[in-house]
Amino acid sequence: LAAGAINAALAVAAGAFGAHGLRDRLEKPMLDVFETGARYHLIHALG
């Protein structure tokens, strides 16, 4: 449960980092790859 909750927090942080910190630094295809990682991270943390 602790690992799941920590991973959910990390996934939210990754999503925010992707949306705000990487938007102007990554090309669109690589930003999409990062966002896919964050989305699956959050879904499976909740799992």
PDB file of all heavy atoms in Angstrom:
ATOM      1  N   LEU A   1       0.835  -1.207   0.000  1.00  0.00           N
ATOM      2  CA  LEU A   1       0.000   0.000   0.000  1.00  0.00           C
ATOM      3  C   LEU A   1       0.864   1.249   0.000  1.00  0.00           C
ATOM      4  O   LEU A   1       0.606   2.196  -0.764  1.00  0.00           O
ATOM      5  CB  LEU A   1      -0.945  -0.005   1.206  1.00  0.00           C
ATOM      6  CG  LEU A   1      -1.878   1.198   1.331  1.00  0.00           C
ATOM      7  CD1 LEU A   1      -2.760   1.341   0.103  1.00  0.00           C
ATOM      8  CD2 LEU A   1      -2.720   1.066   2.587  1.00  0.00           C
ATOM      9  N   ALA A   2       1.904   1.253   0.818  1.00  0.00           N
ATOM     10  CA  ALA A   2       2.812   2.402   0.854  1.00  0.00           C
ATOM     11  C   ALA A   2       3.496   2.599  -0.497  1.00  0.00           C
ATOM     12  O   ALA A   2       3.585   3.730  -0.995  1.00  0.00           O
ATOM     13  CB  ALA A   2       3.855   2.219   1.962  1.00  0.00           C
ATOM     14  N   ALA A   3       3.955   1.504  -1.101  1.00  0.00           N
ATOM     15  CA  ALA A   3       4.619   1.611  -2.411  1.00  0.00           C
ATOM     16  C   ALA A   3       3.643   2.110  -3.468  1.00  0.00           C
ATOM     17  O   ALA A   3       4.008   2.911  -4.335  1.00  0.00           O
ATOM     18  CB  ALA A   3       5.198   0.248  -2.817  1.00  0.00           C
ATOM     19  N   GLY A   4       2.391   1.655  -3.406  1.00  0.00           N
ATOM     20  CA  GLY A   4       1.388   2.128  -4.356  1.00  0.00           C
ATOM     21  C   GLY A   4       1.115   3.612  -4.195  1.00  0.00           C
ATOM     22  O   GLY A   4       1.043   4.364  -5.173  1.00  0.00           O
ATOM     23  N   ALA A   5       0.967   4.057  -2.954  1.00  0.00           N
ATOM     24  CA  ALA A   5       0.704   5.471  -2.693  1.00  0.00           C
ATOM     25  C   ALA A   5       1.888   6.342  -3.107  1.00  0.00           C
ATOM     26  O   ALA A   5       1.706   7.411  -3.716  1.00  0.00           O
ATOM     27  CB  ALA A   5       0.378   5.677  -1.213  1.00  0.00           C
ATOM     28  N   ILE A   6       3.092   5.899  -2.803  1.00  0.00           N
ATOM     29  CA  ILE A   6       4.283   6.655  -3.215  1.00  0.00           C
ATOM     30  C   ILE A   6       4.370   6.720  -4.735  1.00  0.00           C
ATOM     31  O   ILE A   6       4.678   7.772  -5.311  1.00  0.00           O
ATOM     32  CB  ILE A   6       5.556   6.047  -2.593  1.00  0.00           C
ATOM     33  CG1 ILE A   6       5.568   6.310  -1.089  1.00  0.00           C
ATOM     34  CG2 ILE A   6       6.819   6.580  -3.263  1.00  0.00           C
ATOM     35  CD1 ILE A   6       6.588   5.498  -0.314  1.00  0.00           C
ATOM     36  N   ASN A   7       4.078   5.611  -5.398  1.00  0.00           N
ATOM     37  CA  ASN A   7       4.104   5.610  -6.858  1.00  0.00           C
ATOM     38  C   ASN A   7       3.025   6.505  -7.451  1.00  0.00           C
ATOM     39  O   ASN A   7       3.239   7.139  -8.479  1.00  0.00           O
ATOM     40  CB  ASN A   7       4.008   4.187  -7.411  1.00  0.00           C
ATOM     41  CG  ASN A   7       5.368   3.603  -7.620  1.00  0.00           C
ATOM     42  OD1 ASN A   7       6.032   3.908  -8.597  1.00  0.00           O
ATOM     43  ND2 ASN A   7       5.798   2.776  -6.688  1.00  0.00           N
ATOM     44  N   ALA A   8       1.863   6.574  -6.818  1.00  0.00           N
ATOM     45  CA  ALA A   8       0.825   7.491  -7.289  1.00  0.00           C
ATOM     46  C   ALA A   8       1.315   8.932  -7.187  1.00  0.00           C
ATOM     47  O   ALA A   8       1.136   9.728  -8.121  1.00  0.00           O
ATOM     48  CB  ALA A   8      -0.468   7.291  -6.505  1.00  0.00           C
ATOM     49  N   ALA A   9       1.955   9.268  -6.076  1.00  0.00           N
ATOM     50  CA  ALA A   9       2.503  10.618  -5.912  1.00  0.00           C
ATOM     51  C   ALA A   9       3.585  10.900  -6.960  1.00  0.00           C
ATOM     52  O   ALA A   9       3.621  11.983  -7.563  1.00  0.00           O
ATOM     53  CB  ALA A   9       3.063  10.799  -4.503  1.00  0.00           C
ATOM     54  N   LEU A  10       4.452   9.920  -7.187  1.00  0.00           N
ATOM     55  CA  LEU A  10       5.503  10.094  -8.201  1.00  0.00           C
ATOM     56  C   LEU A  10       4.907  10.262  -9.597  1.00  0.00           C
ATOM     57  O   LEU A  10       5.411  11.058 -10.406  1.00  0.00           O
ATOM     58  CB  LEU A  10       6.467   8.906  -8.186  1.00  0.00           C
ATOM     59  CG  LEU A  10       7.371   8.785  -6.969  1.00  0.00           C
ATOM     60  CD1 LEU A  10       8.121   7.453  -6.991  1.00  0.00           C
ATOM     61  CD2 LEU A  10       8.345   9.955  -6.911  1.00  0.00           C
ATOM     62  N   ALA A  11       3.831   9.540  -9.887  1.00  0.00           N
ATOM     63  CA  ALA A  11       3.183   9.644 -11.194  1.00  0.00           C
ATOM     64  C   ALA A  11       2.564  11.025 -11.386  1.00  0.00           C
ATOM     65  O   ALA A  11       2.654  11.612 -12.478  1.00  0.00           O
ATOM     66  CB  ALA A  11       2.120   8.559 -11.346  1.00  0.00           C
ATOM     67  N   VAL A  12       1.945  11.557 -10.333  1.00  0.00           N
ATOM     68  CA  VAL A  12       1.386  12.910 -10.410  1.00  0.00           C
ATOM     69  C   VAL A  12       2.509  13.916 -10.638  1.00  0.00           C
ATOM     70  O   VAL A  12       2.400  14.822 -11.477  1.00  0.00           O
ATOM     71  CB  VAL A  12       0.569  13.246  -9.146  1.00  0.00           C
ATOM     72  CG1 VAL A  12       0.192  14.714  -9.112  1.00  0.00           C
ATOM     73  CG2 VAL A  12      -0.675  12.368  -9.079  1.00  0.00           C
ATOM     74  N   ALA A  13       3.607  13.747  -9.917  1.00  0.00           N
ATOM     75  CA  ALA A  13       4.751  14.641 -10.092  1.00  0.00           C
ATOM     76  C   ALA A  13       5.311  14.531 -11.510  1.00  0.00           C
ATOM     77  O   ALA A  13       5.638  15.549 -12.136  1.00  0.00           O
ATOM     78  CB  ALA A  13       5.836  14.322  -9.059  1.00  0.00           C
ATOM     79  N   ALA A  14       5.414  13.317 -12.036  1.00  0.00           N
ATOM     80  CA  ALA A  14       5.911  13.127 -13.400  1.00  0.00           C
ATOM     81  C   ALA A  14       4.976  13.779 -14.403  1.00  0.00           C
ATOM     82  O   ALA A  14       5.425  14.437 -15.360  1.00  0.00           O
ATOM     83  CB  ALA A  14       6.071  11.641 -13.711  1.00  0.00           C
ATOM     84  N   GLY A  15       3.672  13.622 -14.211  1.00  0.00           N
ATOM     85  CA  GLY A  15       2.713  14.248 -15.114  1.00  0.00           C
ATOM     86  C   GLY A  15       2.818  15.760 -15.095  1.00  0.00           C
ATOM     87  O   GLY A  15       2.795  16.408 -16.152  1.00  0.00           O
ATOM     88  N   ALA A  16       2.955  16.326 -13.912  1.00  0.00           N
ATOM     89  CA  ALA A  16       3.105  17.777 -13.799  1.00  0.00           C
ATOM     90  C   ALA A  16       4.415  18.238 -14.422  1.00  0.00           C
ATOM     91  O   ALA A  16       4.459  19.258 -15.126  1.00  0.00           O
ATOM     92  CB  ALA A  16       3.033  18.193 -12.330  1.00  0.00           C
ATOM     93  N   PHE A  17       5.482  17.479 -14.185  1.00  0.00           N
ATOM     94  CA  PHE A  17       6.781  17.814 -14.772  1.00  0.00           C
ATOM     95  C   PHE A  17       6.699  17.783 -16.294  1.00  0.00           C
ATOM     96  O   PHE A  17       7.203  18.674 -16.975  1.00  0.00           O
ATOM     97  CB  PHE A  17       7.843  16.846 -14.263  1.00  0.00           C
ATOM     98  CG  PHE A  17       9.217  17.073 -14.822  1.00  0.00           C
ATOM     99  CD1 PHE A  17       9.868  18.281 -14.644  1.00  0.00           C
ATOM    100  CD2 PHE A  17       9.859  16.069 -15.525  1.00  0.00           C
ATOM    101  CE1 PHE A  17      11.147  18.487 -15.163  1.00  0.00           C
ATOM    102  CE2 PHE A  17      11.133  16.257 -16.045  1.00  0.00           C
ATOM    103  CZ  PHE A  17      11.775  17.473 -15.865  1.00  0.00           C
ATOM    104  N   GLY A  18       6.033  16.765 -16.825  1.00  0.00           N
ATOM    105  CA  GLY A  18       5.878  16.667 -18.272  1.00  0.00           C
ATOM    106  C   GLY A  18       5.075  17.826 -18.836  1.00  0.00           C
ATOM    107  O   GLY A  18       5.432  18.413 -19.858  1.00  0.00           O
ATOM    108  N   ALA A  19       3.972  18.156 -18.155  1.00  0.00           N
ATOM    109  CA  ALA A  19       3.082  19.208 -18.653  1.00  0.00           C
ATOM    110  C   ALA A  19       3.678  20.598 -18.529  1.00  0.00           C
ATOM    111  O   ALA A  19       3.442  21.453 -19.387  1.00  0.00           O
ATOM    112  CB  ALA A  19       1.749  19.150 -17.905  1.00  0.00           C
ATOM    113  N   HIS A  20       4.459  20.827 -17.475  1.00  0.00           N
ATOM    114  CA  HIS A  20       4.950  22.183 -17.226  1.00  0.00           C
ATOM    115  C   HIS A  20       6.448  22.353 -17.437  1.00  0.00           C
ATOM    116  O   HIS A  20       6.883  23.378 -17.938  1.00  0.00           O
ATOM    117  CB  HIS A  20       4.574  22.625 -15.810  1.00  0.00           C
ATOM    118  CG  HIS A  20       3.105  22.574 -15.561  1.00  0.00           C
ATOM    119  ND1 HIS A  20       2.218  23.447 -16.146  1.00  0.00           N
ATOM    120  CD2 HIS A  20       2.356  21.725 -14.807  1.00  0.00           C
ATOM    121  CE1 HIS A  20       0.985  23.145 -15.764  1.00  0.00           C
ATOM    122  NE2 HIS A  20       1.047  22.098 -14.946  1.00  0.00           N
ATOM    123  N   GLY A  21       7.225  21.349 -17.065  1.00  0.00           N
ATOM    124  CA  GLY A  21       8.674  21.487 -17.149  1.00  0.00           C
ATOM    125  C   GLY A  21       9.277  21.046 -18.464  1.00  0.00           C
ATOM    126  O   GLY A  21      10.374  21.477 -18.825  1.00  0.00           O
ATOM    127  N   LEU A  22       8.565  20.175 -19.178  1.00  0.00           N
ATOM    128  CA  LEU A  22       9.144  19.629 -20.407  1.00  0.00           C
ATOM    129  C   LEU A  22       8.476  20.144 -21.676  1.00  0.00           C
ATOM    130  O   LEU A  22       8.969  19.887 -22.769  1.00  0.00           O
ATOM    131  CB  LEU A  22       9.060  18.091 -20.389  1.00  0.00           C
ATOM    132  CG  LEU A  22       9.855  17.396 -19.286  1.00  0.00           C
ATOM    133  CD1 LEU A  22       9.616  15.897 -19.342  1.00  0.00           C
ATOM    134  CD2 LEU A  22      11.336  17.721 -19.407  1.00  0.00           C
ATOM    135  N   ARG A  23       7.370  20.834 -21.548  1.00  0.00           N
ATOM    136  CA  ARG A  23       6.597  21.276 -22.715  1.00  0.00           C
ATOM    137  C   ARG A  23       7.461  22.013 -23.735  1.00  0.00           C
ATOM    138  O   ARG A  23       7.334  21.793 -24.934  1.00  0.00           O
ATOM    139  CB  ARG A  23       5.435  22.152 -22.276  1.00  0.00           C
ATOM    140  CG  ARG A  23       4.594  22.622 -23.460  1.00  0.00           C
ATOM    141  CD  ARG A  23       3.416  23.445 -23.050  1.00  0.00           C
ATOM    142  NE  ARG A  23       2.518  22.607 -22.265  1.00  0.00           N
ATOM    143  CZ  ARG A  23       1.721  23.081 -21.316  1.00  0.00           C
ATOM    144  NH1 ARG A  23       1.715  24.351 -21.037  1.00  0.00           N
ATOM    145  NH2 ARG A  23       0.928  22.280 -20.647  1.00  0.00           N
ATOM    146  N   ASP A  24       8.334  22.877 -23.274  1.00  0.00           N
ATOM    147  CA  ASP A  24       9.173  23.658 -24.183  1.00  0.00           C
ATOM    148  C   ASP A  24      10.550  23.039 -24.418  1.00  0.00           C
ATOM    149  O   ASP A  24      11.361  23.599 -25.146  1.00  0.00           O
ATOM    150  CB  ASP A  24       9.345  25.087 -23.643  1.00  0.00           C
ATOM    151  CG  ASP A  24       8.022  25.821 -23.553  1.00  0.00           C
ATOM    152  OD1 ASP A  24       7.133  25.538 -24.391  1.00  0.00           O
ATOM    153  OD2 ASP A  24       7.860  26.665 -22.649  1.00  0.00           O
ATOM    154  N   ARG A  25      10.822  21.898 -23.814  1.00  0.00           N
ATOM    155  CA  ARG A  25      12.142  21.281 -23.921  1.00  0.00           C
ATOM    156  C   ARG A  25      12.166  20.023 -24.772  1.00  0.00           C
ATOM    157  O   ARG A  25      13.219  19.619 -25.238  1.00  0.00           O
ATOM    158  CB  ARG A  25      12.677  20.960 -22.531  1.00  0.00           C
ATOM    159  CG  ARG A  25      12.885  22.195 -21.699  1.00  0.00           C
ATOM    160  CD  ARG A  25      13.257  21.827 -20.288  1.00  0.00           C
ATOM    161  NE  ARG A  25      13.272  23.027 -19.484  1.00  0.00           N
ATOM    162  CZ  ARG A  25      14.246  23.357 -18.685  1.00  0.00           C
ATOM    163  NH1 ARG A  25      15.283  22.574 -18.548  1.00  0.00           N
ATOM    164  NH2 ARG A  25      14.184  24.451 -17.984  1.00  0.00           N
ATOM    165  N   LEU A  26      11.025  19.375 -24.915  1.00  0.00           N
ATOM    166  CA  LEU A  26      10.965  18.140 -25.694  1.00  0.00           C
ATOM    167  C   LEU A  26      10.140  18.350 -26.952  1.00  0.00           C
ATOM    168  O   LEU A  26       9.184  19.121 -26.955  1.00  0.00           O
ATOM    169  CB  LEU A  26      10.324  17.007 -24.880  1.00  0.00           C
ATOM    170  CG  LEU A  26      11.062  16.486 -23.659  1.00  0.00           C
ATOM    171  CD1 LEU A  26      10.257  15.354 -23.026  1.00  0.00           C
ATOM    172  CD2 LEU A  26      12.449  16.009 -24.010  1.00  0.00           C
ATOM    173  N   GLU A  27      10.524  17.630 -27.983  1.00  0.00           N
ATOM    174  CA  GLU A  27       9.703  17.620 -29.185  1.00  0.00           C
ATOM    175  C   GLU A  27       8.402  16.908 -28.856  1.00  0.00           C
ATOM    176  O   GLU A  27       8.350  16.051 -27.972  1.00  0.00           O
ATOM    177  CB  GLU A  27      10.439  16.902 -30.313  1.00  0.00           C
ATOM    178  CG  GLU A  27      11.744  17.579 -30.709  1.00  0.00           C
ATOM    179  CD  GLU A  27      12.597  16.705 -31.610  1.00  0.00           C
ATOM    180  OE1 GLU A  27      12.144  15.606 -31.997  1.00  0.00           O
ATOM    181  OE2 GLU A  27      13.720  17.124 -31.917  1.00  0.00           O
ATOM    182  N   LYS A  28       7.343  17.226 -29.583  1.00  0.00           N
ATOM    183  CA  LYS A  28       6.010  16.683 -29.314  1.00  0.00           C
ATOM    184  C   LYS A  28       5.991  15.155 -29.219  1.00  0.00           C
ATOM    185  O   LYS A  28       5.401  14.615 -28.275  1.00  0.00           O
ATOM    186  CB  LYS A  28       5.033  17.190 -30.387  1.00  0.00           C
ATOM    187  CG  LYS A  28       3.636  16.621 -30.279  1.00  0.00           C
ATOM    188  CD  LYS A  28       2.848  17.242 -29.162  1.00  0.00           C
ATOM    189  CE  LYS A  28       1.376  16.868 -29.286  1.00  0.00           C
ATOM    190  NZ  LYS A  28       0.905  16.043 -28.199  1.00  0.00           N
ATOM    191  N   PRO A  29       6.628  14.429 -30.140  1.00  0.00           N
ATOM    192  CA  PRO A  29       6.579  12.960 -30.004  1.00  0.00           C
ATOM    193  C   PRO A  29       7.201  12.453 -28.695  1.00  0.00           C
ATOM    194  O   PRO A  29       6.671  11.525 -28.074  1.00  0.00           O
ATOM    195  CB  PRO A  29       7.364  12.455 -31.218  1.00  0.00           C
ATOM    196  CG  PRO A  29       7.301  13.558 -32.207  1.00  0.00           C
ATOM    197  CD  PRO A  29       7.279  14.819 -31.387  1.00  0.00           C
ATOM    198  N   MET A  30       8.296  13.058 -28.257  1.00  0.00           N
ATOM    199  CA  MET A  30       8.932  12.622 -27.011  1.00  0.00           C
ATOM    200  C   MET A  30       8.121  13.068 -25.797  1.00  0.00           C
ATOM    201  O   MET A  30       8.070  12.355 -24.792  1.00  0.00           O
ATOM    202  CB  MET A  30      10.372  13.147 -26.922  1.00  0.00           C
ATOM    203  CG  MET A  30      11.340  12.444 -27.860  1.00  0.00           C
ATOM    204  SD  MET A  30      11.495  10.672 -27.520  1.00  0.00           S
ATOM    205  CE  MET A  30      10.619   9.957 -28.889  1.00  0.00           C
ATOM    206  N   LEU A  31       7.450  14.211 -25.886  1.00  0.00           N
ATOM    207  CA  LEU A  31       6.573  14.643 -24.807  1.00  0.00           C
ATOM    208  C   LEU A  31       5.401  13.665 -24.678  1.00  0.00           C
ATOM    209  O   LEU A  31       5.005  13.306 -23.570  1.00  0.00           O
ATOM    210  CB  LEU A  31       6.061  16.061 -25.062  1.00  0.00           C
ATOM    211  CG  LEU A  31       5.232  16.695 -23.948  1.00  0.00           C
ATOM    212  CD1 LEU A  31       6.007  16.749 -22.644  1.00  0.00           C
ATOM    213  CD2 LEU A  31       4.765  18.078 -24.366  1.00  0.00           C
ATOM    214  N   ASP A  32       4.877  13.202 -25.807  1.00  0.00           N
ATOM    215  CA  ASP A  32       3.808  12.200 -25.788  1.00  0.00           C
ATOM    216  C   ASP A  32       4.276  10.897 -25.147  1.00  0.00           C
ATOM    217  O   ASP A  32       3.526  10.262 -24.398  1.00  0.00           O
ATOM    218  CB  ASP A  32       3.299  11.926 -27.207  1.00  0.00           C
ATOM    219  CG  ASP A  32       2.527  13.091 -27.793  1.00  0.00           C
ATOM    220  OD1 ASP A  32       2.125  14.004 -27.037  1.00  0.00           O
ATOM    221  OD2 ASP A  32       2.331  13.096 -29.033  1.00  0.00           O
ATOM    222  N   VAL A  33       5.508  10.503 -25.427  1.00  0.00           N
ATOM    223  CA  VAL A  33       6.072   9.288 -24.823  1.00  0.00           C
ATOM    224  C   VAL A  33       6.146   9.456 -23.305  1.00  0.00           C
ATOM    225  O   VAL A  33       5.758   8.561 -22.550  1.00  0.00           O
ATOM    226  CB  VAL A  33       7.478   8.983 -25.416  1.00  0.00           C
ATOM    227  CG1 VAL A  33       8.219   7.946 -24.587  1.00  0.00           C
ATOM    228  CG2 VAL A  33       7.346   8.535 -26.863  1.00  0.00           C
ATOM    229  N   PHE A  34       6.627  10.606 -22.855  1.00  0.00           N
ATOM    230  CA  PHE A  34       6.736  10.869 -21.422  1.00  0.00           C
ATOM    231  C   PHE A  34       5.356  10.835 -20.768  1.00  0.00           C
ATOM    232  O   PHE A  34       5.170  10.231 -19.706  1.00  0.00           O
ATOM    233  CB  PHE A  34       7.408  12.230 -21.177  1.00  0.00           C
ATOM    234  CG  PHE A  34       7.794  12.456 -19.745  1.00  0.00           C
ATOM    235  CD1 PHE A  34       9.049  12.100 -19.295  1.00  0.00           C
ATOM    236  CD2 PHE A  34       6.902  13.012 -18.846  1.00  0.00           C
ATOM    237  CE1 PHE A  34       9.410  12.291 -17.965  1.00  0.00           C
ATOM    238  CE2 PHE A  34       7.245  13.205 -17.518  1.00  0.00           C
ATOM    239  CZ  PHE A  34       8.506  12.850 -17.079  1.00  0.00           C
ATOM    240  N   GLU A  35       4.375  11.463 -21.412  1.00  0.00           N
ATOM    241  CA  GLU A  35       3.022  11.504 -20.865  1.00  0.00           C
ATOM    242  C   GLU A  35       2.394  10.106 -20.817  1.00  0.00           C
ATOM    243  O   GLU A  35       1.652   9.795 -19.889  1.00  0.00           O
ATOM    244  CB  GLU A  35       2.157  12.469 -21.664  1.00  0.00           C
ATOM    245  CG  GLU A  35       2.550  13.922 -21.425  1.00  0.00           C
ATOM    246  CD  GLU A  35       1.808  14.913 -22.311  1.00  0.00           C
ATOM    247  OE1 GLU A  35       1.136  14.495 -23.285  1.00  0.00           O
ATOM    248  OE2 GLU A  35       1.914  16.108 -22.028  1.00  0.00           O
ATOM    249  N   THR A  36       2.694   9.277 -21.793  1.00  0.00           N
ATOM    250  CA  THR A  36       2.210   7.898 -21.759  1.00  0.00           C
ATOM    251  C   THR A  36       2.791   7.169 -20.549  1.00  0.00           C
ATOM    252  O   THR A  36       2.083   6.447 -19.842  1.00  0.00           O
ATOM    253  CB  THR A  36       2.569   7.154 -23.063  1.00  0.00           C
ATOM    254  OG1 THR A  36       1.903   7.809 -24.148  1.00  0.00           O
ATOM    255  CG2 THR A  36       2.166   5.688 -23.010  1.00  0.00           C
ATOM    256  N   GLY A  37       4.082   7.365 -20.306  1.00  0.00           N
ATOM    257  CA  GLY A  37       4.713   6.759 -19.129  1.00  0.00           C
ATOM    258  C   GLY A  37       4.042   7.204 -17.841  1.00  0.00           C
ATOM    259  O   GLY A  37       3.753   6.382 -16.964  1.00  0.00           O
ATOM    260  N   ALA A  38       3.752   8.504 -17.725  1.00  0.00           N
ATOM    261  CA  ALA A  38       3.127   9.028 -16.508  1.00  0.00           C
ATOM    262  C   ALA A  38       1.705   8.490 -16.346  1.00  0.00           C
ATOM    263  O   ALA A  38       1.284   8.152 -15.235  1.00  0.00           O
ATOM    264  CB  ALA A  38       3.120  10.553 -16.538  1.00  0.00           C
ATOM    265  N   ARG A  39       0.961   8.404 -17.446  1.00  0.00           N
ATOM    266  CA  ARG A  39      -0.416   7.897 -17.380  1.00  0.00           C
ATOM    267  C   ARG A  39      -0.448   6.440 -16.910  1.00  0.00           C
ATOM    268  O   ARG A  39      -1.186   6.078 -15.993  1.00  0.00           O
ATOM    269  CB  ARG A  39      -1.100   8.044 -18.742  1.00  0.00           C
ATOM    270  CG  ARG A  39      -2.541   7.584 -18.753  1.00  0.00           C
ATOM    271  CD  ARG A  39      -3.274   7.868 -20.055  1.00  0.00           C
ATOM    272  NE  ARG A  39      -2.579   7.400 -21.235  1.00  0.00           N
ATOM    273  CZ  ARG A  39      -1.930   8.182 -22.104  1.00  0.00           C
ATOM    274  NH1 ARG A  39      -1.881   9.486 -21.915  1.00  0.00           N
ATOM    275  NH2 ARG A  39      -1.337   7.660 -23.156  1.00  0.00           N
ATOM    276  N   TYR A  40       0.381   5.610 -17.526  1.00  0.00           N
ATOM    277  CA  TYR A  40       0.422   4.197 -17.129  1.00  0.00           C
ATOM    278  C   TYR A  40       0.973   4.039 -15.714  1.00  0.00           C
ATOM    279  O   TYR A  40       0.561   3.149 -14.979  1.00  0.00           O
ATOM    280  CB  TYR A  40       1.223   3.374 -18.136  1.00  0.00           C
ATOM    281  CG  TYR A  40       0.387   2.955 -19.317  1.00  0.00           C
ATOM    282  CD1 TYR A  40       0.083   3.849 -20.339  1.00  0.00           C
ATOM    283  CD2 TYR A  40      -0.125   1.664 -19.413  1.00  0.00           C
ATOM    284  CE1 TYR A  40      -0.702   3.486 -21.421  1.00  0.00           C
ATOM    285  CE2 TYR A  40      -0.898   1.274 -20.486  1.00  0.00           C
ATOM    286  CZ  TYR A  40      -1.189   2.194 -21.479  1.00  0.00           C
ATOM    287  OH  TYR A  40      -1.978   1.825 -22.530  1.00  0.00           O
ATOM    288  N   HIS A  41       1.887   4.907 -15.329  1.00  0.00           N
ATOM    289  CA  HIS A  41       2.440   4.902 -13.981  1.00  0.00           C
ATOM    290  C   HIS A  41       1.311   5.110 -12.975  1.00  0.00           C
ATOM    291  O   HIS A  41       1.172   4.349 -12.001  1.00  0.00           O
ATOM    292  CB  HIS A  41       3.492   6.007 -13.889  1.00  0.00           C
ATOM    293  CG  HIS A  41       4.323   5.998 -12.654  1.00  0.00           C
ATOM    294  ND1 HIS A  41       5.487   6.712 -12.564  1.00  0.00           N
ATOM    295  CD2 HIS A  41       4.187   5.411 -11.442  1.00  0.00           C
ATOM    296  CE1 HIS A  41       6.022   6.545 -11.368  1.00  0.00           C
ATOM    297  NE2 HIS A  41       5.242   5.764 -10.666  1.00  0.00           N
ATOM    298  N   LEU A  42       0.482   6.133 -13.198  1.00  0.00           N
ATOM    299  CA  LEU A  42      -0.597   6.436 -12.262  1.00  0.00           C
ATOM    300  C   LEU A  42      -1.643   5.320 -12.223  1.00  0.00           C
ATOM    301  O   LEU A  42      -2.070   4.889 -11.145  1.00  0.00           O
ATOM    302  CB  LEU A  42      -1.262   7.770 -12.604  1.00  0.00           C
ATOM    303  CG  LEU A  42      -2.393   8.190 -11.667  1.00  0.00           C
ATOM    304  CD1 LEU A  42      -1.911   8.309 -10.225  1.00  0.00           C
ATOM    305  CD2 LEU A  42      -2.997   9.501 -12.131  1.00  0.00           C
ATOM    306  N   ILE A  43      -2.042   4.840 -13.380  1.00  0.00           N
ATOM    307  CA  ILE A  43      -3.053   3.779 -13.427  1.00  0.00           C
ATOM    308  C   ILE A  43      -2.591   2.561 -12.636  1.00  0.00           C
ATOM    309  O   ILE A  43      -3.348   1.987 -11.846  1.00  0.00           O
ATOM    310  CB  ILE A  43      -3.359   3.391 -14.889  1.00  0.00           C
ATOM    311  CG1 ILE A  43      -4.099   4.525 -15.595  1.00  0.00           C
ATOM    312  CG2 ILE A  43      -4.138   2.082 -14.957  1.00  0.00           C
ATOM    313  CD1 ILE A  43      -4.137   4.396 -17.108  1.00  0.00           C
ATOM    314  N   HIS A  44      -1.341   2.186 -12.825  1.00  0.00           N
ATOM    315  CA  HIS A  44      -0.863   0.966 -12.178  1.00  0.00           C
ATOM    316  C   HIS A  44      -0.478   1.190 -10.720  1.00  0.00           C
ATOM    317  O   HIS A  44      -0.510   0.252  -9.922  1.00  0.00           O
ATOM    318  CB  HIS A  44       0.233   0.320 -13.025  1.00  0.00           C
ATOM    319  CG  HIS A  44      -0.357  -0.230 -14.292  1.00  0.00           C
ATOM    320  ND1 HIS A  44      -0.489   0.549 -15.415  1.00  0.00           N
ATOM    321  CD2 HIS A  44      -0.918  -1.417 -14.581  1.00  0.00           C
ATOM    322  CE1 HIS A  44      -1.095  -0.159 -16.358  1.00  0.00           C
ATOM    323  NE2 HIS A  44      -1.369  -1.356 -15.866  1.00  0.00           N
ATOM    324  N   ALA A  45      -0.160   2.422 -10.346  1.00  0.00           N
ATOM    325  CA  ALA A  45       0.015   2.731  -8.922  1.00  0.00           C
ATOM    326  C   ALA A  45      -1.313   2.552  -8.198  1.00  0.00           C
ATOM    327  O   ALA A  45      -1.360   1.983  -7.098  1.00  0.00           O
ATOM    328  CB  ALA A  45       0.539   4.156  -8.748  1.00  0.00           C
ATOM    329  N   LEU A  46      -2.391   3.001  -8.810  1.00  0.00           N
ATOM    330  CA  LEU A  46      -3.710   2.794  -8.216  1.00  0.00           C
ATOM    331  C   LEU A  46      -4.054   1.306  -8.175  1.00  0.00           C
ATOM    332  O   LEU A  46      -4.696   0.834  -7.232  1.00  0.00           O
ATOM    333  CB  LEU A  46      -4.766   3.588  -8.975  1.00  0.00           C
ATOM    334  CG  LEU A  46      -4.624   5.109  -8.892  1.00  0.00           C
ATOM    335  CD1 LEU A  46      -5.641   5.796  -9.792  1.00  0.00           C
ATOM    336  CD2 LEU A  46      -4.727   5.602  -7.464  1.00  0.00           C
ATOM    337  N   GLY A  47      -3.620   0.578  -9.198  1.00  0.00           N
ATOM    338  CA  GLY A  47      -3.787  -0.877  -9.182  1.00  0.00           C
ATOM    339  C   GLY A  47      -3.059  -1.507  -8.006  1.00  0.00           C
ATOM    340  O   GLY A  47      -3.569  -2.449  -7.375  1.00  0.00           O
TER     341      GLY A  47
END
